[in-house]
Amino acid sequence: MNESSFLHGKVLKRSLPIFQSTPPADALGPKRLALPQGELANIYDGQEGIRYIACIELREGTVRGNHWHQVKEEQIYVVSGKLLLVAQEGESGQQISVELQPGDLAFIAPGVAHALKTLVAGQAIEFSKNRFNPADVQRVKLV
């Protein structure tokens, strides 16, 4: 798995490996399987349960997010399309921009402001071990 770390590990980008047949026994964790009946993407395989999941329609030229969470961590898997993830660490103010494409899985830690700008229309899935709480959404303008 190709993984990049940003903002001192508070934002991670993983390009999930894709296998054309049964993966080897040591291929643990998230991965993609290119099967005759279509792709199967294993985007989460962890000890903790998922308490929040959402399907996201990505319309070209639009922006989602522009907020941060004190408690909720997020993971975003890009099914189709292309996104620009803009993230800013609260403590240092350091900002990064990372392009996400199909098969990429992004992790965003609590306290990191983030926005998703759609470059190419598509679909994504957002999930978290934390439940969604509207009081945990703190608005900020990044994009």
Protein backbone atom coordinates (compact mmCIF):
# COMPACT_ATOMS: atom_id res chain seq x y z
CA MET A 1 0.00 0.00 0.00
CA ASN A 2 1.35 3.40 -0.98
CA GLU A 3 0.90 5.77 1.99
CA SER A 4 1.72 9.47 2.41
CA SER A 5 1.61 11.31 5.73
CA PHE A 6 0.95 15.04 6.18
CA LEU A 7 0.66 17.49 9.09
CA HIS A 8 2.64 15.27 11.46
CA GLY A 9 0.50 12.19 10.73
CA LYS A 10 -2.83 13.95 11.23
CA VAL A 11 -3.72 13.49 7.55
CA LEU A 12 -2.92 10.25 5.73
CA LYS A 13 -3.42 9.33 2.09
CA ARG A 14 -3.39 5.65 1.19
CA SER A 15 -3.57 4.40 -2.39
CA LEU A 16 -5.05 0.97 -1.86
CA PRO A 17 -3.28 -1.88 -3.64
CA ILE A 18 -5.28 -3.63 -6.33
CA PHE A 19 -5.07 -7.39 -6.87
CA GLN A 20 -6.20 -9.14 -10.07
CA SER A 21 -6.94 -12.39 -8.21
CA THR A 22 -6.94 -13.71 -4.66
CA PRO A 23 -4.47 -11.59 -2.65
CA PRO A 24 -1.59 -13.26 -0.81
CA ALA A 25 -2.17 -14.26 2.82
CA ASP A 26 0.05 -11.43 4.07
CA ALA A 27 -2.00 -8.73 2.25
CA LEU A 28 -3.80 -7.55 5.36
CA GLY A 29 -5.91 -4.42 5.69
CA PRO A 30 -7.72 -2.34 3.08
CA LYS A 31 -7.25 -3.39 -0.53
CA ARG A 32 -9.00 -3.57 -3.89
CA LEU A 33 -9.83 -6.78 -5.75
CA ALA A 34 -10.39 -6.64 -9.52
CA LEU A 35 -12.83 -9.52 -9.93
CA PRO A 36 -14.61 -10.74 -13.09
CA GLN A 37 -17.92 -9.53 -11.62
CA GLY A 38 -16.48 -6.08 -10.80
CA GLU A 39 -14.20 -4.40 -8.29
CA LEU A 40 -14.53 -5.12 -4.58
CA ALA A 41 -12.92 -2.45 -2.38
CA ASN A 42 -12.21 -3.43 1.22
CA ILE A 43 -11.93 0.06 2.71
CA TYR A 44 -12.00 -0.81 6.41
CA ASP A 45 -10.88 -3.84 8.38
CA GLY A 46 -10.35 -2.79 11.98
CA GLN A 47 -11.07 -3.64 15.59
CA GLU A 48 -13.31 -0.63 16.20
CA GLY A 49 -16.80 -0.36 14.78
CA ILE A 50 -17.98 2.25 12.33
CA ARG A 51 -20.66 4.50 13.81
CA TYR A 52 -21.07 6.89 10.87
CA ILE A 53 -21.11 6.25 7.12
CA ALA A 54 -22.23 8.46 4.25
CA CYS A 55 -22.25 8.28 0.46
CA ILE A 56 -21.06 11.55 -1.08
CA GLU A 57 -22.02 12.78 -4.53
CA LEU A 58 -19.15 14.81 -5.94
CA ARG A 59 -20.30 17.53 -8.33
CA GLU A 60 -17.53 19.13 -10.37
CA GLY A 61 -16.45 22.57 -9.16
CA THR A 62 -18.16 22.28 -5.77
CA VAL A 63 -16.62 22.33 -2.30
CA ARG A 64 -17.62 20.28 0.74
CA GLY A 65 -16.37 20.68 4.26
CA ASN A 66 -14.66 23.94 5.19
CA HIS A 67 -14.84 22.82 8.81
CA TRP A 68 -13.06 20.88 11.51
CA HIS A 69 -14.16 18.57 14.31
CA GLN A 70 -13.00 18.55 17.90
CA VAL A 71 -13.95 14.88 18.38
CA LYS A 72 -14.76 13.19 15.06
CA GLU A 73 -12.06 11.66 12.90
CA GLU A 74 -12.96 10.99 9.28
CA GLN A 75 -11.96 8.60 6.54
CA ILE A 76 -12.88 9.29 2.93
CA TYR A 77 -12.66 6.69 0.16
CA VAL A 78 -12.87 7.92 -3.42
CA VAL A 79 -14.94 5.54 -5.55
CA SER A 80 -14.88 7.66 -8.73
CA GLY A 81 -13.93 11.18 -9.77
CA LYS A 82 -11.10 13.32 -8.46
CA LEU A 83 -10.84 15.55 -5.37
CA LEU A 84 -8.48 18.11 -3.96
CA LEU A 85 -8.25 17.69 -0.18
CA VAL A 86 -7.16 20.92 1.50
CA ALA A 87 -6.28 20.49 5.18
CA GLN A 88 -4.94 22.83 7.83
CA GLU A 89 -3.52 21.95 11.21
CA GLY A 90 -5.11 24.00 13.97
CA GLU A 91 -2.02 24.43 16.14
CA SER A 92 0.58 25.45 13.53
CA GLY A 93 -1.71 26.76 10.80
CA GLN A 94 0.28 24.67 8.29
CA GLN A 95 -1.82 23.92 5.20
CA ILE A 96 -1.51 21.17 2.59
CA SER A 97 -3.32 20.21 -0.62
CA VAL A 98 -3.52 16.58 -1.69
CA GLU A 99 -5.14 15.18 -4.83
CA LEU A 100 -7.33 12.12 -4.29
CA GLN A 101 -8.43 9.78 -7.06
CA PRO A 102 -10.32 6.46 -7.25
CA GLY A 103 -8.84 3.91 -4.86
CA ASP A 104 -7.45 6.54 -2.47
CA LEU A 105 -8.40 6.48 1.21
CA ALA A 106 -7.78 9.63 3.26
CA PHE A 107 -7.71 9.84 7.07
CA ILE A 108 -8.32 13.21 8.77
CA ALA A 109 -7.68 13.51 12.52
CA PRO A 110 -9.76 15.62 14.90
CA GLY A 111 -8.64 19.25 15.04
CA VAL A 112 -7.64 19.35 11.36
CA ALA A 113 -9.67 21.77 9.24
CA HIS A 114 -10.53 20.28 5.87
CA ALA A 115 -12.31 20.94 2.60
CA LEU A 116 -12.91 18.77 -0.46
CA LYS A 117 -12.97 20.47 -3.85
CA THR A 118 -14.33 18.28 -6.64
CA LEU A 119 -12.07 18.37 -9.69
CA VAL A 120 -13.89 15.59 -11.59
CA ALA A 121 -17.44 14.51 -10.72
CA GLY A 122 -17.83 11.17 -8.97
CA GLN A 123 -18.68 9.38 -5.73
CA ALA A 124 -17.00 8.94 -2.37
CA ILE A 125 -17.74 7.27 0.95
CA GLU A 126 -17.08 8.96 4.29
CA PHE A 127 -16.95 6.91 7.46
CA SER A 128 -15.92 7.29 11.08
CA LYS A 129 -15.77 5.40 14.34
CA ASN A 130 -17.40 8.52 15.84
CA ARG A 131 -21.06 9.35 15.44
CA PHE A 132 -21.95 12.61 13.70
CA ASN A 133 -22.74 15.46 16.10
CA PRO A 134 -23.69 18.85 14.58
CA ALA A 135 -22.25 20.59 17.66
CA ASP A 136 -18.82 19.11 16.74
CA VAL A 137 -18.71 20.95 13.38
CA GLN A 138 -16.64 24.13 13.57
CA ARG A 139 -16.83 26.23 10.37
CA VAL A 140 -13.68 27.64 8.76
CA LYS A 141 -13.01 28.91 5.22
CA LEU A 142 -10.20 27.02 3.44
CA VAL A 143 -11.47 26.93 -0.16
